[in-house]
Amino acid sequence: MDETTRNELEKLHGRINDMKERVVTLEAQQPHINAALLRIEGSVEKIAGKIGKAIWAIALIVLGPLAAILIKAIASGALKPFV
């Protein structure tokens, strides 16, 4: 082997070793990343549940009085039912 080929091979070996170190580091971090993702997913689910409850509460607050007004109008004879 000539000197140029030898130098290129040494560079490649160095890059491969660097990549091996990075892979080991990433593999070591993976459990921590997975745990963080699980916590995030749990938080998102809780927030989604609270938003859903808030939407239902707002709907009841808005639609409840409207339904009462409609029933009162029908009962008083001011509005005839669509039957």
Protein backbone atom coordinates (compact mmCIF):
# COMPACT_ATOMS: atom_id res chain seq x y z
CA MET A 1 0.00 0.00 0.00
CA ASP A 2 1.24 3.42 -0.81
CA GLU A 3 1.25 6.30 1.67
CA THR A 4 -1.82 8.05 0.21
CA THR A 5 -3.98 4.94 0.49
CA ARG A 6 -2.75 4.32 4.02
CA ASN A 7 -3.63 7.91 5.04
CA GLU A 8 -7.08 7.62 3.52
CA LEU A 9 -7.70 4.33 5.34
CA GLU A 10 -6.62 5.89 8.65
CA LYS A 11 -9.03 8.78 8.06
CA LEU A 12 -11.83 6.33 7.34
CA HIS A 13 -11.04 4.34 10.49
CA GLY A 14 -11.11 7.57 12.49
CA ARG A 15 -14.49 8.53 11.07
CA ILE A 16 -15.88 5.05 11.74
CA ASN A 17 -14.70 5.21 15.35
CA ASP A 18 -16.30 8.65 15.74
CA MET A 19 -19.56 7.28 14.38
CA LYS A 20 -19.40 4.31 16.76
CA GLU A 21 -19.03 6.71 19.70
CA ARG A 22 -22.00 8.74 18.51
CA VAL A 23 -24.13 5.62 18.16
CA VAL A 24 -23.22 4.50 21.68
CA THR A 25 -24.12 7.96 23.02
CA LEU A 26 -27.46 7.97 21.18
CA GLU A 27 -28.27 4.47 22.40
CA ALA A 28 -27.52 5.57 25.97
CA GLN A 29 -29.85 8.57 25.61
CA GLN A 30 -32.73 6.61 24.06
CA PRO A 31 -34.35 5.44 27.34
CA HIS A 32 -34.34 9.02 28.64
CA ILE A 33 -35.86 10.27 25.39
CA ASN A 34 -38.56 7.58 25.54
CA ALA A 35 -39.41 8.48 29.13
CA ALA A 36 -39.66 12.17 28.22
CA LEU A 37 -41.93 11.36 25.29
CA LEU A 38 -44.22 9.32 27.55
CA ARG A 39 -44.47 12.24 29.98
CA ILE A 40 -45.27 14.61 27.11
CA GLU A 41 -47.93 12.27 25.73
CA GLY A 42 -49.53 12.00 29.18
CA SER A 43 -49.59 15.77 29.54
CA VAL A 44 -51.11 16.22 26.10
CA GLU A 45 -53.83 13.68 26.92
CA LYS A 46 -54.65 15.51 30.16
CA ILE A 47 -54.82 18.85 28.35
CA ALA A 48 -57.02 17.37 25.62
CA GLY A 49 -59.38 16.01 28.28
CA LYS A 50 -59.62 19.38 30.00
CA ILE A 51 -60.27 21.15 26.69
CA GLY A 52 -63.03 18.66 25.90
CA LYS A 53 -64.67 19.28 29.28
CA ALA A 54 -64.40 23.04 28.79
CA ILE A 55 -66.06 22.81 25.38
CA TRP A 56 -68.93 20.81 26.83
CA ALA A 57 -69.32 23.31 29.68
CA ILE A 58 -69.38 26.26 27.27
CA ALA A 59 -71.89 24.45 25.06
CA LEU A 60 -74.17 23.84 28.05
CA ILE A 61 -73.83 27.43 29.22
CA VAL A 62 -74.77 28.74 25.77
CA LEU A 63 -77.35 26.15 24.70
CA GLY A 64 -79.06 25.77 28.08
CA PRO A 65 -80.58 29.27 28.20
CA LEU A 66 -81.49 29.09 24.51
CA ALA A 67 -83.37 25.85 25.09
CA ALA A 68 -85.13 27.37 28.11
CA ILE A 69 -86.19 30.40 26.07
CA LEU A 70 -87.50 28.15 23.29
CA ILE A 71 -89.47 25.98 25.73
CA LYS A 72 -90.88 29.08 27.45
CA ALA A 73 -91.97 30.52 24.10
CA ILE A 74 -93.68 27.26 23.13
CA ALA A 75 -95.37 26.96 26.54
CA SER A 76 -96.69 30.54 26.42
CA GLY A 77 -98.11 30.02 22.94
CA ALA A 78 -95.92 32.67 21.36
CA LEU A 79 -94.28 30.05 19.22
CA LYS A 80 -96.04 27.04 17.79
CA PRO A 81 -94.11 23.77 17.62
CA PHE A 82 -93.19 22.46 14.19
CA VAL A 83 -95.45 19.42 14.53
